[in-house]
Protein backbone atom coordinates (compact mmCIF):
# COMPACT_ATOMS: atom_id res chain seq x y z
CA MET A 1 28.83 -2.70 33.19
CA GLY A 2 28.19 -5.82 35.26
CA TYR A 3 26.12 -8.85 34.33
CA GLY A 4 23.26 -7.68 36.54
CA GLU A 5 22.97 -4.31 34.81
CA LEU A 6 23.28 -5.95 31.39
CA LEU A 7 20.42 -8.31 32.21
CA ILE A 8 18.25 -5.44 33.43
CA ARG A 9 18.97 -3.41 30.29
CA ILE A 10 18.18 -6.30 27.96
CA THR A 11 14.96 -7.07 29.86
CA VAL A 12 13.79 -3.44 29.82
CA SER A 13 14.72 -3.04 26.17
CA PHE A 14 12.89 -6.24 25.18
CA PHE A 15 9.65 -5.53 26.97
CA VAL A 16 9.49 -1.83 26.01
CA LEU A 17 10.14 -2.75 22.38
CA PHE A 18 7.56 -5.55 22.52
CA ILE A 19 4.86 -3.26 23.96
CA LEU A 20 5.58 -0.47 21.48
CA THR A 21 5.55 -2.89 18.55
CA ARG A 22 2.11 -4.14 19.61
CA ILE A 23 0.86 -0.56 19.86
CA MET A 24 2.20 0.34 16.43
CA GLY A 25 0.41 -2.65 14.91
CA ARG A 26 1.23 -5.25 12.28
CA LYS A 27 2.05 -2.81 9.51
CA GLU A 28 5.64 -2.64 10.66
CA ILE A 29 6.03 -6.29 9.64
CA SER A 30 3.51 -6.98 6.90
CA GLN A 31 3.67 -3.77 4.86
CA MET A 32 7.19 -2.46 4.94
CA THR A 33 6.98 0.80 3.04
CA PHE A 34 9.96 3.16 2.97
CA SER A 35 8.98 5.06 6.12
CA ASN A 36 8.18 1.79 7.94
CA PHE A 37 11.59 0.44 6.99
CA VAL A 38 13.40 3.53 8.28
CA SER A 39 11.33 3.47 11.47
CA ALA A 40 12.05 -0.20 12.12
CA ILE A 41 15.81 0.31 11.70
CA ALA A 42 15.87 3.37 13.96
CA ILE A 43 13.81 1.74 16.71
CA GLY A 44 15.97 -1.39 16.57
CA GLU A 45 19.11 0.73 16.83
CA ILE A 46 17.76 2.61 19.85
CA ALA A 47 16.79 -0.66 21.54
CA GLY A 48 20.25 -2.09 20.91
CA THR A 49 21.87 1.04 22.34
CA LEU A 50 19.66 0.87 25.41
CA ALA A 51 20.64 -2.75 26.01
CA LEU A 52 24.39 -2.60 25.43
CA VAL A 53 25.71 0.96 25.95
CA PRO A 54 26.26 1.66 29.65
CA ASP A 55 26.89 5.39 29.10
CA ILE A 56 23.23 5.82 28.13
CA LYS A 57 20.86 5.93 31.08
CA ILE A 58 18.02 3.42 30.91
CA ILE A 59 15.40 6.14 31.22
CA TYR A 60 16.90 8.03 28.25
CA GLY A 61 16.78 4.88 26.15
CA VAL A 62 13.14 4.27 27.09
CA ILE A 63 12.24 7.89 26.28
CA GLY A 64 14.00 7.55 22.91
CA LEU A 65 12.03 4.40 22.05
CA VAL A 66 8.72 5.91 23.12
CA ALA A 67 9.35 9.20 21.30
CA TRP A 68 10.34 7.53 18.02
CA SER A 69 7.36 5.18 18.25
CA PHE A 70 5.05 8.15 18.89
CA PHE A 71 6.24 9.89 15.71
CA THR A 72 5.85 6.63 13.77
CA ILE A 73 2.24 6.31 14.93
CA LEU A 74 1.61 10.01 14.19
CA MET A 75 2.91 9.61 10.64
CA ALA A 76 0.71 6.55 10.18
CA LEU A 77 -2.37 8.51 11.31
CA ILE A 78 -1.54 11.37 8.94
CA ASP A 79 -1.02 8.82 6.17
CA LEU A 80 -4.43 7.31 6.92
CA LYS A 81 -6.35 10.60 7.01
CA SER A 82 -4.80 12.52 4.11
CA LYS A 83 -4.23 11.20 0.60
CA ASN A 84 -1.91 14.09 -0.29
CA ALA A 85 0.17 13.44 2.81
CA ARG A 86 0.21 9.72 1.95
CA ILE A 87 1.72 10.53 -1.44
CA VAL A 88 4.42 12.66 0.19
CA ILE A 89 5.21 10.06 2.88
CA GLU A 90 4.93 6.82 0.94
CA GLY A 91 5.08 7.91 -2.69
CA GLU A 92 2.79 6.66 -5.47
CA PRO A 93 2.61 3.33 -7.29
CA LEU A 94 4.40 3.58 -10.63
CA ILE A 95 3.49 1.86 -13.88
CA VAL A 96 6.76 0.26 -15.07
CA ILE A 97 5.31 -1.79 -17.95
CA LYS A 98 2.40 -0.77 -20.18
CA LYS A 99 1.13 -2.92 -23.05
CA GLY A 100 4.33 -4.94 -23.15
CA GLN A 101 6.62 -1.88 -23.17
CA ILE A 102 8.92 -0.85 -20.33
CA ILE A 103 8.36 2.71 -19.10
CA GLU A 104 11.98 3.83 -18.76
CA LYS A 105 11.16 6.99 -16.80
CA SER A 106 9.32 4.96 -14.14
CA LEU A 107 12.09 2.36 -14.07
CA ARG A 108 14.64 5.08 -13.31
CA LYS A 109 12.47 6.43 -10.51
CA THR A 110 12.21 3.01 -8.89
CA ARG A 111 16.00 2.42 -9.23
CA LEU A 112 15.24 -0.95 -10.85
CA SER A 113 17.36 -2.52 -13.54
CA VAL A 114 15.76 -4.52 -16.34
CA ASP A 115 17.28 -7.67 -14.85
CA ALA A 116 15.72 -6.92 -11.46
CA LEU A 117 12.38 -6.25 -13.15
CA ASN A 118 12.57 -9.57 -14.97
CA THR A 119 13.34 -11.33 -11.71
CA MET A 120 10.25 -9.83 -10.09
CA LEU A 121 8.16 -10.83 -13.11
CA ARG A 122 9.35 -14.43 -12.93
CA LYS A 123 8.23 -14.55 -9.31
CA LYS A 124 4.75 -13.70 -10.65
CA ASP A 125 5.01 -16.57 -13.19
CA VAL A 126 5.61 -14.16 -16.06
CA PHE A 127 8.60 -15.01 -18.24
CA SER A 128 8.25 -12.43 -20.99
CA ILE A 129 7.74 -8.68 -20.73
CA ALA A 130 5.75 -8.91 -23.97
CA ASP A 131 3.08 -10.90 -22.08
CA VAL A 132 2.43 -8.05 -19.64
CA GLU A 133 -0.45 -5.61 -20.11
CA PHE A 134 0.38 -3.62 -16.97
CA ALA A 135 3.00 -3.96 -14.24
CA ILE A 136 2.82 -1.59 -11.28
CA PHE A 137 5.62 -1.09 -8.76
CA GLU A 138 3.82 -0.63 -5.44
CA THR A 139 4.94 1.59 -2.57
CA ASP A 140 5.88 -1.45 -0.47
CA GLY A 141 8.33 -2.66 -3.14
CA GLU A 142 6.06 -5.36 -4.55
CA LEU A 143 5.27 -5.70 -8.24
CA SER A 144 1.63 -6.10 -9.29
CA VAL A 145 1.19 -7.67 -12.71
CA MET A 146 -1.74 -7.96 -15.13
CA LYS A 147 -1.08 -10.26 -18.06
CA LYS A 148 -2.32 -9.58 -21.56
CA GLU A 149 -5.76 -10.90 -22.36
CA TYR A 150 -4.59 -13.89 -24.37
CA LYS A 151 -2.53 -15.03 -21.37
CA LEU A 152 -5.46 -14.83 -18.94
CA PRO A 153 -7.95 -17.58 -18.04
CA ALA A 154 -11.28 -17.67 -19.88
CA THR A 155 -13.56 -14.71 -19.07
CA LYS A 156 -17.30 -14.14 -19.21
CA LYS A 157 -16.84 -12.60 -22.65
CA ASP A 158 -15.02 -15.70 -23.89
CA LEU A 159 -17.96 -17.82 -22.73
CA ASN A 160 -20.52 -15.42 -24.28
CA ILE A 161 -21.83 -14.35 -20.88
CA GLU A 162 -22.98 -10.74 -20.91
CA THR A 163 -21.79 -8.33 -18.25
CA SER A 164 -23.84 -5.45 -16.91
CA GLU A 165 -21.80 -2.71 -18.60
CA ILE A 166 -19.13 -2.28 -21.25
CA SER A 167 -15.49 -2.23 -20.26
CA ILE A 168 -14.21 1.27 -19.62
CA SER A 169 -11.01 0.62 -17.67
CA PRO A 170 -7.92 -1.41 -18.65
CA ILE A 171 -7.36 -2.21 -14.96
CA ASP A 172 -9.43 -1.94 -11.81
CA ALA A 173 -9.26 1.72 -10.76
CA ALA A 174 -10.19 3.34 -7.46
CA ILE A 175 -12.61 6.25 -7.80
CA VAL A 176 -13.60 6.73 -4.14
CA SER A 177 -11.31 6.42 -1.13
CA ASP A 178 -12.28 7.25 2.45
CA GLY A 179 -15.44 9.03 1.29
CA VAL A 180 -13.64 11.27 -1.23
CA MET A 181 -13.87 11.09 -5.03
CA ASP A 182 -10.59 10.43 -6.81
CA GLN A 183 -10.81 13.24 -9.35
CA LYS A 184 -7.59 12.16 -11.02
CA ASN A 185 -8.90 8.71 -11.86
CA LEU A 186 -12.34 10.03 -12.80
CA THR A 187 -10.71 12.34 -15.33
CA LYS A 188 -8.49 9.57 -16.73
CA LEU A 189 -11.50 7.30 -17.20
CA ASN A 190 -13.68 10.12 -18.54
CA ILE A 191 -16.27 9.51 -15.82
CA LYS A 192 -18.47 12.36 -14.68
CA PRO A 193 -19.17 12.79 -10.94
CA GLU A 194 -22.89 12.77 -11.75
CA TRP A 195 -22.59 9.24 -13.15
CA LEU A 196 -20.85 8.08 -10.00
CA GLU A 197 -23.42 9.72 -7.73
CA GLN A 198 -26.24 8.07 -9.70
CA LYS A 199 -24.61 4.65 -9.39
CA LEU A 200 -24.10 5.13 -5.66
CA GLN A 201 -27.73 6.10 -5.19
CA GLN A 202 -28.80 2.99 -7.12
CA ALA A 203 -26.72 0.98 -4.66
CA GLY A 204 -28.50 2.65 -1.73
CA VAL A 205 -25.72 5.09 -0.86
CA GLN A 206 -27.07 8.62 -0.44
CA ASP A 207 -23.86 10.25 0.81
CA ILE A 208 -20.46 9.53 -0.72
CA ARG A 209 -18.90 10.08 2.69
CA ASN A 210 -20.39 6.73 3.69
CA VAL A 211 -18.24 4.95 1.09
CA LEU A 212 -14.96 3.53 2.35
CA TYR A 213 -13.80 2.42 -1.09
CA ALA A 214 -15.21 2.15 -4.61
CA GLU A 215 -13.58 1.09 -7.84
CA ILE A 216 -14.37 0.64 -11.51
CA GLN A 217 -13.62 -2.92 -12.52
CA GLN A 218 -12.41 -4.04 -15.92
CA ASP A 219 -15.88 -5.26 -16.93
CA GLY A 220 -17.32 -1.79 -16.23
CA ASN A 221 -19.05 -2.75 -13.00
CA LEU A 222 -18.79 -0.55 -9.92
CA TYR A 223 -17.54 -2.20 -6.74
CA ILE A 224 -18.63 -0.44 -3.54
CA ASN A 225 -17.46 -1.02 0.04
CA LYS A 226 -19.50 1.01 2.54
CA LYS A 227 -17.96 2.26 5.75
CA ASN A 228 -20.49 0.42 7.88
CA ASP A 229 -19.86 -2.94 6.19
CA ILE A 230 -18.93 -5.55 8.81
CA LEU A 231 -16.69 -8.48 8.06
CA HIS A 232 -17.70 -11.80 9.60
């Protein structure tokens, strides 16, 4: 392979990869879940092969990049539209610490050692597992941490400021996603669908399908994000 062909291959590989990356969006960089990670490695490998292996025709390399990118986008669309598919593709967040106690079963599932868990906690400014109310290992490999109440800043309750409802959830919990009730969380929180429908109607939402996201917050309030909300 001469210098001219090498330059052409590198140029084609670069621009095809650049265009496909823009089409696939920022998720490939900012939210590297397991499937994103595998996709990024595979696409990078195909691009490298296209640029440096003369036995592979340029058109075959381009087709390989486009085809893999197409399946990546297809999986992302399925992930977006179906919660069950999202669980299969990306997995579920796992509670690894609850009320200061490590959940060994979850730790084994995440393939984390206690030392690795402690390292992740220190990055969240937590230096003792005993100070953790909940720690959740997210599907992108990040650790979300909620400290115990005595380690948190002053709250409305501490300042004798009344909230609208009593606390019913130890952590903020999603109960509507993409216009669909989360029956699993409703059951865990002992919330009846009728209660949720009443609250939505009080907020001016007549059809749950118009709700993009809703969650029960720790103070018992219901946060609602409608689908037609516009960010400025």
